[in-house]
Amino acid sequence: MEEKLIKIINTILKKEGRTELNNLEEDLSLRDDLGFDSLNLAELTVRIEDEFGVDIFEDDIVDKLSEIINKINGSE
């Protein structure tokens, strides 16, 4: 699961010309640390839903990678 999630995040980061992740640091903020804007978050949501079958923003707003991991793990 982690490799797939890193690949999804890195796809978005690479398109934006940002430094890619080597590993998942669960305390990273999507907005503050990775610099994701609303379009990046929308793309992330679609890619995660396609890959894992879970809508990470279904219940509320997520910001930390740990929240995404918990939502994905909760659906498996």
PDB file of N, CA and C in Angstrom:
ATOM      1  N   MET A   1       0.823  -1.193   0.000  1.00  0.00           N
ATOM      2  CA  MET A   1       0.000   0.000   0.000  1.00  0.00           C
ATOM      3  C   MET A   1       0.868   1.259   0.000  1.00  0.00           C
ATOM      4  N   GLU A   2       1.928   1.258   0.805  1.00  0.00           N
ATOM      5  CA  GLU A   2       2.748   2.462   0.906  1.00  0.00           C
ATOM      6  C   GLU A   2       3.423   2.799  -0.415  1.00  0.00           C
ATOM      7  N   GLU A   3       3.926   1.777  -1.117  1.00  0.00           N
ATOM      8  CA  GLU A   3       4.582   2.018  -2.410  1.00  0.00           C
ATOM      9  C   GLU A   3       3.612   2.651  -3.406  1.00  0.00           C
ATOM     10  N   LYS A   4       2.379   2.157  -3.428  1.00  0.00           N
ATOM     11  CA  LYS A   4       1.372   2.704  -4.347  1.00  0.00           C
ATOM     12  C   LYS A   4       1.046   4.148  -3.991  1.00  0.00           C
ATOM     13  N   LEU A   5       0.935   4.421  -2.692  1.00  0.00           N
ATOM     14  CA  LEU A   5       0.615   5.777  -2.244  1.00  0.00           C
ATOM     15  C   LEU A   5       1.760   6.740  -2.565  1.00  0.00           C
ATOM     16  N   ILE A   6       2.994   6.313  -2.339  1.00  0.00           N
ATOM     17  CA  ILE A   6       4.148   7.154  -2.685  1.00  0.00           C
ATOM     18  C   ILE A   6       4.148   7.441  -4.180  1.00  0.00           C
ATOM     19  N   LYS A   7       3.863   6.429  -4.984  1.00  0.00           N
ATOM     20  CA  LYS A   7       3.845   6.610  -6.438  1.00  0.00           C
ATOM     21  C   LYS A   7       2.796   7.642  -6.849  1.00  0.00           C
ATOM     22  N   ILE A   8       1.609   7.580  -6.250  1.00  0.00           N
ATOM     23  CA  ILE A   8       0.535   8.536  -6.548  1.00  0.00           C
ATOM     24  C   ILE A   8       0.970   9.955  -6.169  1.00  0.00           C
ATOM     25  N   ILE A   9       1.497  10.108  -4.961  1.00  0.00           N
ATOM     26  CA  ILE A   9       1.925  11.432  -4.491  1.00  0.00           C
ATOM     27  C   ILE A   9       3.057  11.966  -5.361  1.00  0.00           C
ATOM     28  N   ASN A  10       4.019  11.100  -5.687  1.00  0.00           N
ATOM     29  CA  ASN A  10       5.152  11.532  -6.495  1.00  0.00           C
ATOM     30  C   ASN A  10       4.748  11.907  -7.914  1.00  0.00           C
ATOM     31  N   THR A  11       3.730  11.274  -8.456  1.00  0.00           N
ATOM     32  CA  THR A  11       3.226  11.644  -9.780  1.00  0.00           C
ATOM     33  C   THR A  11       2.776  13.101  -9.777  1.00  0.00           C
ATOM     34  N   ILE A  12       2.061  13.485  -8.724  1.00  0.00           N
ATOM     35  CA  ILE A  12       1.574  14.865  -8.603  1.00  0.00           C
ATOM     36  C   ILE A  12       2.728  15.820  -8.346  1.00  0.00           C
ATOM     37  N   LEU A  13       3.627  15.448  -7.436  1.00  0.00           N
ATOM     38  CA  LEU A  13       4.770  16.308  -7.125  1.00  0.00           C
ATOM     39  C   LEU A  13       5.644  16.530  -8.357  1.00  0.00           C
ATOM     40  N   LYS A  14       5.875  15.482  -9.118  1.00  0.00           N
ATOM     41  CA  LYS A  14       6.723  15.574 -10.312  1.00  0.00           C
ATOM     42  C   LYS A  14       6.114  16.528 -11.341  1.00  0.00           C
ATOM     43  N   LYS A  15       4.794  16.434 -11.544  1.00  0.00           N
ATOM     44  CA  LYS A  15       4.117  17.333 -12.486  1.00  0.00           C
ATOM     45  C   LYS A  15       4.269  18.791 -12.085  1.00  0.00           C
ATOM     46  N   GLU A  16       4.348  19.026 -10.781  1.00  0.00           N
ATOM     47  CA  GLU A  16       4.465  20.392 -10.266  1.00  0.00           C
ATOM     48  C   GLU A  16       5.925  20.849 -10.152  1.00  0.00           C
ATOM     49  N   GLY A  17       6.858  19.966 -10.518  1.00  0.00           N
ATOM     50  CA  GLY A  17       8.278  20.311 -10.434  1.00  0.00           C
ATOM     51  C   GLY A  17       8.821  20.326  -9.023  1.00  0.00           C
ATOM     52  N   ARG A  18       8.184  19.582  -8.133  1.00  0.00           N
ATOM     53  CA  ARG A  18       8.607  19.544  -6.736  1.00  0.00           C
ATOM     54  C   ARG A  18       9.412  18.281  -6.455  1.00  0.00           C
ATOM     55  N   THR A  19      10.124  18.295  -5.355  1.00  0.00           N
ATOM     56  CA  THR A  19      10.924  17.149  -4.932  1.00  0.00           C
ATOM     57  C   THR A  19      10.021  15.980  -4.562  1.00  0.00           C
ATOM     58  N   GLU A  20      10.372  14.809  -5.096  1.00  0.00           N
ATOM     59  CA  GLU A  20       9.571  13.615  -4.828  1.00  0.00           C
ATOM     60  C   GLU A  20       9.941  13.008  -3.474  1.00  0.00           C
ATOM     61  N   LEU A  21       9.014  12.224  -2.925  1.00  0.00           N
ATOM     62  CA  LEU A  21       9.224  11.549  -1.641  1.00  0.00           C
ATOM     63  C   LEU A  21       9.964  10.239  -1.847  1.00  0.00           C
ATOM     64  N   ASN A  22      10.830   9.898  -0.897  1.00  0.00           N
ATOM     65  CA  ASN A  22      11.478   8.592  -0.904  1.00  0.00           C
ATOM     66  C   ASN A  22      10.739   7.611  -0.011  1.00  0.00           C
ATOM     67  N   ASN A  23      10.100   8.140   1.019  1.00  0.00           N
ATOM     68  CA  ASN A  23       9.319   7.306   1.929  1.00  0.00           C
ATOM     69  C   ASN A  23       8.178   8.143   2.505  1.00  0.00           C
ATOM     70  N   LEU A  24       7.232   7.447   3.109  1.00  0.00           N
ATOM     71  CA  LEU A  24       6.080   8.126   3.693  1.00  0.00           C
ATOM     72  C   LEU A  24       6.405   8.587   5.111  1.00  0.00           C
ATOM     73  N   GLU A  25       6.404   9.864   5.315  1.00  0.00           N
ATOM     74  CA  GLU A  25       6.529  10.423   6.654  1.00  0.00           C
ATOM     75  C   GLU A  25       5.128  10.828   7.061  1.00  0.00           C
ATOM     76  N   GLU A  26       4.571  10.073   7.986  1.00  0.00           N
ATOM     77  CA  GLU A  26       3.152  10.207   8.308  1.00  0.00           C
ATOM     78  C   GLU A  26       2.752  11.579   8.827  1.00  0.00           C
ATOM     79  N   ASP A  27       3.692  12.347   9.357  1.00  0.00           N
ATOM     80  CA  ASP A  27       3.333  13.653   9.908  1.00  0.00           C
ATOM     81  C   ASP A  27       3.396  14.770   8.872  1.00  0.00           C
ATOM     82  N   LEU A  28       3.712  14.438   7.607  1.00  0.00           N
ATOM     83  CA  LEU A  28       3.747  15.459   6.558  1.00  0.00           C
ATOM     84  C   LEU A  28       2.348  15.984   6.256  1.00  0.00           C
ATOM     85  N   SER A  29       2.269  17.287   6.088  1.00  0.00           N
ATOM     86  CA  SER A  29       1.012  17.939   5.715  1.00  0.00           C
ATOM     87  C   SER A  29       0.938  18.045   4.193  1.00  0.00           C
ATOM     88  N   LEU A  30      -0.210  17.696   3.639  1.00  0.00           N
ATOM     89  CA  LEU A  30      -0.395  17.803   2.195  1.00  0.00           C
ATOM     90  C   LEU A  30      -0.230  19.247   1.738  1.00  0.00           C
ATOM     91  N   ARG A  31      -0.783  20.157   2.486  1.00  0.00           N
ATOM     92  CA  ARG A  31      -0.749  21.568   2.102  1.00  0.00           C
ATOM     93  C   ARG A  31       0.556  22.250   2.502  1.00  0.00           C
ATOM     94  N   ASP A  32       0.905  22.150   3.785  1.00  0.00           N
ATOM     95  CA  ASP A  32       2.039  22.904   4.309  1.00  0.00           C
ATOM     96  C   ASP A  32       3.391  22.329   3.880  1.00  0.00           C
ATOM     97  N   ASP A  33       3.539  21.010   3.923  1.00  0.00           N
ATOM     98  CA  ASP A  33       4.833  20.392   3.628  1.00  0.00           C
ATOM     99  C   ASP A  33       5.003  20.029   2.156  1.00  0.00           C
ATOM    100  N   LEU A  34       3.943  19.546   1.533  1.00  0.00           N
ATOM    101  CA  LEU A  34       4.032  19.119   0.131  1.00  0.00           C
ATOM    102  C   LEU A  34       3.583  20.211  -0.836  1.00  0.00           C
ATOM    103  N   GLY A  35       2.931  21.246  -0.327  1.00  0.00           N
ATOM    104  CA  GLY A  35       2.514  22.370  -1.160  1.00  0.00           C
ATOM    105  C   GLY A  35       1.340  22.073  -2.078  1.00  0.00           C
ATOM    106  N   PHE A  36       0.515  21.093  -1.714  1.00  0.00           N
ATOM    107  CA  PHE A  36      -0.644  20.757  -2.547  1.00  0.00           C
ATOM    108  C   PHE A  36      -1.685  21.871  -2.490  1.00  0.00           C
ATOM    109  N   ASP A  37      -2.196  22.235  -3.657  1.00  0.00           N
ATOM    110  CA  ASP A  37      -3.310  23.176  -3.724  1.00  0.00           C
ATOM    111  C   ASP A  37      -4.590  22.373  -3.978  1.00  0.00           C
ATOM    112  N   SER A  38      -5.694  23.071  -4.191  1.00  0.00           N
ATOM    113  CA  SER A  38      -6.980  22.378  -4.337  1.00  0.00           C
ATOM    114  C   SER A  38      -7.008  21.453  -5.553  1.00  0.00           C
ATOM    115  N   LEU A  39      -6.350  21.846  -6.632  1.00  0.00           N
ATOM    116  CA  LEU A  39      -6.308  20.973  -7.809  1.00  0.00           C
ATOM    117  C   LEU A  39      -5.475  19.726  -7.544  1.00  0.00           C
ATOM    118  N   ASN A  40      -4.359  19.882  -6.844  1.00  0.00           N
ATOM    119  CA  ASN A  40      -3.541  18.725  -6.475  1.00  0.00           C
ATOM    120  C   ASN A  40      -4.320  17.779  -5.571  1.00  0.00           C
ATOM    121  N   LEU A  41      -5.064  18.336  -4.633  1.00  0.00           N
ATOM    122  CA  LEU A  41      -5.855  17.517  -3.714  1.00  0.00           C
ATOM    123  C   LEU A  41      -6.962  16.775  -4.453  1.00  0.00           C
ATOM    124  N   ALA A  42      -7.573  17.442  -5.432  1.00  0.00           N
ATOM    125  CA  ALA A  42      -8.607  16.780  -6.225  1.00  0.00           C
ATOM    126  C   ALA A  42      -8.007  15.616  -7.013  1.00  0.00           C
ATOM    127  N   GLU A  43      -6.847  15.838  -7.619  1.00  0.00           N
ATOM    128  CA  GLU A  43      -6.190  14.765  -8.364  1.00  0.00           C
ATOM    129  C   GLU A  43      -5.802  13.623  -7.429  1.00  0.00           C
ATOM    130  N   LEU A  44      -5.281  13.960  -6.254  1.00  0.00           N
ATOM    131  CA  LEU A  44      -4.920  12.952  -5.272  1.00  0.00           C
ATOM    132  C   LEU A  44      -6.132  12.110  -4.885  1.00  0.00           C
ATOM    133  N   THR A  45      -7.254  12.769  -4.642  1.00  0.00           N
ATOM    134  CA  THR A  45      -8.482  12.071  -4.260  1.00  0.00           C
ATOM    135  C   THR A  45      -8.907  11.083  -5.337  1.00  0.00           C
ATOM    136  N   VAL A  46      -8.903  11.517  -6.581  1.00  0.00           N
ATOM    137  CA  VAL A  46      -9.319  10.649  -7.694  1.00  0.00           C
ATOM    138  C   VAL A  46      -8.367   9.474  -7.833  1.00  0.00           C
ATOM    139  N   ARG A  47      -7.071   9.733  -7.777  1.00  0.00           N
ATOM    140  CA  ARG A  47      -6.080   8.657  -7.939  1.00  0.00           C
ATOM    141  C   ARG A  47      -6.172   7.633  -6.810  1.00  0.00           C
ATOM    142  N   ILE A  48      -6.358   8.101  -5.579  1.00  0.00           N
ATOM    143  CA  ILE A  48      -6.481   7.182  -4.440  1.00  0.00           C
ATOM    144  C   ILE A  48      -7.775   6.384  -4.542  1.00  0.00           C
ATOM    145  N   GLU A  49      -8.848   7.035  -4.948  1.00  0.00           N
ATOM    146  CA  GLU A  49     -10.118   6.323  -5.087  1.00  0.00           C
ATOM    147  C   GLU A  49     -10.018   5.258  -6.183  1.00  0.00           C
ATOM    148  N   ASP A  50      -9.352   5.578  -7.283  1.00  0.00           N
ATOM    149  CA  ASP A  50      -9.165   4.594  -8.358  1.00  0.00           C
ATOM    150  C   ASP A  50      -8.319   3.413  -7.892  1.00  0.00           C
ATOM    151  N   GLU A  51      -7.275   3.694  -7.145  1.00  0.00           N
ATOM    152  CA  GLU A  51      -6.331   2.646  -6.733  1.00  0.00           C
ATOM    153  C   GLU A  51      -6.834   1.822  -5.557  1.00  0.00           C
ATOM    154  N   PHE A  52      -7.417   2.496  -4.558  1.00  0.00           N
ATOM    155  CA  PHE A  52      -7.764   1.833  -3.307  1.00  0.00           C
ATOM    156  C   PHE A  52      -9.271   1.729  -3.050  1.00  0.00           C
ATOM    157  N   GLY A  53     -10.085   2.414  -3.854  1.00  0.00           N
ATOM    158  CA  GLY A  53     -11.533   2.351  -3.680  1.00  0.00           C
ATOM    159  C   GLY A  53     -12.038   3.099  -2.463  1.00  0.00           C
ATOM    160  N   VAL A  54     -11.301   4.112  -2.031  1.00  0.00           N
ATOM    161  CA  VAL A  54     -11.732   4.882  -0.869  1.00  0.00           C
ATOM    162  C   VAL A  54     -11.647   6.374  -1.191  1.00  0.00           C
ATOM    163  N   ASP A  55     -12.690   7.113  -0.773  1.00  0.00           N
ATOM    164  CA  ASP A  55     -12.712   8.569  -0.931  1.00  0.00           C
ATOM    165  C   ASP A  55     -12.148   9.171   0.348  1.00  0.00           C
ATOM    166  N   ILE A  56     -10.921   9.705   0.272  1.00  0.00           N
ATOM    167  CA  ILE A  56     -10.261  10.195   1.481  1.00  0.00           C
ATOM    168  C   ILE A  56     -10.929  11.419   2.086  1.00  0.00           C
ATOM    169  N   PHE A  57     -11.727  12.133   1.305  1.00  0.00           N
ATOM    170  CA  PHE A  57     -12.414  13.327   1.806  1.00  0.00           C
ATOM    171  C   PHE A  57     -13.907  13.089   2.045  1.00  0.00           C
ATOM    172  N   GLU A  58     -14.306  11.827   2.093  1.00  0.00           N
ATOM    173  CA  GLU A  58     -15.723  11.509   2.245  1.00  0.00           C
ATOM    174  C   GLU A  58     -16.308  12.039   3.556  1.00  0.00           C
ATOM    175  N   ASP A  59     -15.587  11.843   4.645  1.00  0.00           N
ATOM    176  CA  ASP A  59     -16.120  12.217   5.956  1.00  0.00           C
ATOM    177  C   ASP A  59     -15.726  13.619   6.395  1.00  0.00           C
ATOM    178  N   ASP A  60     -14.506  14.005   6.090  1.00  0.00           N
ATOM    179  CA  ASP A  60     -14.035  15.338   6.454  1.00  0.00           C
ATOM    180  C   ASP A  60     -12.749  15.628   5.706  1.00  0.00           C
ATOM    181  N   ILE A  61     -12.150  16.755   5.999  1.00  0.00           N
ATOM    182  CA  ILE A  61     -10.926  17.174   5.326  1.00  0.00           C
ATOM    183  C   ILE A  61      -9.734  16.462   5.967  1.00  0.00           C
ATOM    184  N   VAL A  62      -8.867  15.912   5.132  1.00  0.00           N
ATOM    185  CA  VAL A  62      -7.633  15.317   5.627  1.00  0.00           C
ATOM    186  C   VAL A  62      -6.476  16.232   5.237  1.00  0.00           C
ATOM    187  N   ASP A  63      -5.438  16.232   6.063  1.00  0.00           N
ATOM    188  CA  ASP A  63      -4.271  17.061   5.775  1.00  0.00           C
ATOM    189  C   ASP A  63      -2.973  16.283   5.928  1.00  0.00           C
ATOM    190  N   LYS A  64      -2.906  15.376   6.868  1.00  0.00           N
ATOM    191  CA  LYS A  64      -1.682  14.621   7.144  1.00  0.00           C
ATOM    192  C   LYS A  64      -1.687  13.297   6.374  1.00  0.00           C
ATOM    193  N   LEU A  65      -0.492  12.848   6.002  1.00  0.00           N
ATOM    194  CA  LEU A  65      -0.388  11.557   5.329  1.00  0.00           C
ATOM    195  C   LEU A  65      -0.911  10.433   6.216  1.00  0.00           C
ATOM    196  N   SER A  66      -0.746  10.567   7.521  1.00  0.00           N
ATOM    197  CA  SER A  66      -1.243   9.538   8.445  1.00  0.00           C
ATOM    198  C   SER A  66      -2.762   9.371   8.322  1.00  0.00           C
ATOM    199  N   GLU A  67      -3.480  10.464   8.087  1.00  0.00           N
ATOM    200  CA  GLU A  67      -4.938  10.391   7.937  1.00  0.00           C
ATOM    201  C   GLU A  67      -5.316   9.625   6.675  1.00  0.00           C
ATOM    202  N   ILE A  68      -4.558   9.828   5.607  1.00  0.00           N
ATOM    203  CA  ILE A  68      -4.817   9.099   4.361  1.00  0.00           C
ATOM    204  C   ILE A  68      -4.530   7.620   4.573  1.00  0.00           C
ATOM    205  N   ILE A  69      -3.413   7.312   5.201  1.00  0.00           N
ATOM    206  CA  ILE A  69      -3.048   5.912   5.455  1.00  0.00           C
ATOM    207  C   ILE A  69      -4.113   5.229   6.283  1.00  0.00           C
ATOM    208  N   ASN A  70      -4.605   5.905   7.330  1.00  0.00           N
ATOM    209  CA  ASN A  70      -5.651   5.334   8.176  1.00  0.00           C
ATOM    210  C   ASN A  70      -6.930   5.062   7.408  1.00  0.00           C
ATOM    211  N   LYS A  71      -7.304   5.983   6.509  1.00  0.00           N
ATOM    212  CA  LYS A  71      -8.517   5.783   5.706  1.00  0.00           C
ATOM    213  C   LYS A  71      -8.347   4.604   4.750  1.00  0.00           C
ATOM    214  N   ILE A  72      -7.179   4.502   4.128  1.00  0.00           N
ATOM    215  CA  ILE A  72      -6.932   3.386   3.215  1.00  0.00           C
ATOM    216  C   ILE A  72      -6.920   2.069   3.984  1.00  0.00           C
ATOM    217  N   ASN A  73      -6.230   2.027   5.099  1.00  0.00           N
ATOM    218  CA  ASN A  73      -6.154   0.808   5.907  1.00  0.00           C
ATOM    219  C   ASN A  73      -7.517   0.418   6.463  1.00  0.00           C
ATOM    220  N   GLY A  74      -8.344   1.413   6.761  1.00  0.00           N
ATOM    221  CA  GLY A  74      -9.690   1.129   7.276  1.00  0.00           C
ATOM    222  C   GLY A  74     -10.603   0.527   6.234  1.00  0.00           C
ATOM    223  N   SER A  75     -10.268   0.704   4.961  1.00  0.00           N
ATOM    224  CA  SER A  75     -11.109   0.181   3.882  1.00  0.00           C
ATOM    225  C   SER A  75     -10.680  -1.208   3.439  1.00  0.00           C
ATOM    226  N   GLU A  76      -9.495  -1.632   3.882  1.00  0.00           N
ATOM    227  CA  GLU A  76      -8.983  -2.943   3.464  1.00  0.00           C
ATOM    228  C   GLU A  76      -9.435  -4.048   4.384  1.00  0.00           C
TER     229      GLU A  76
END
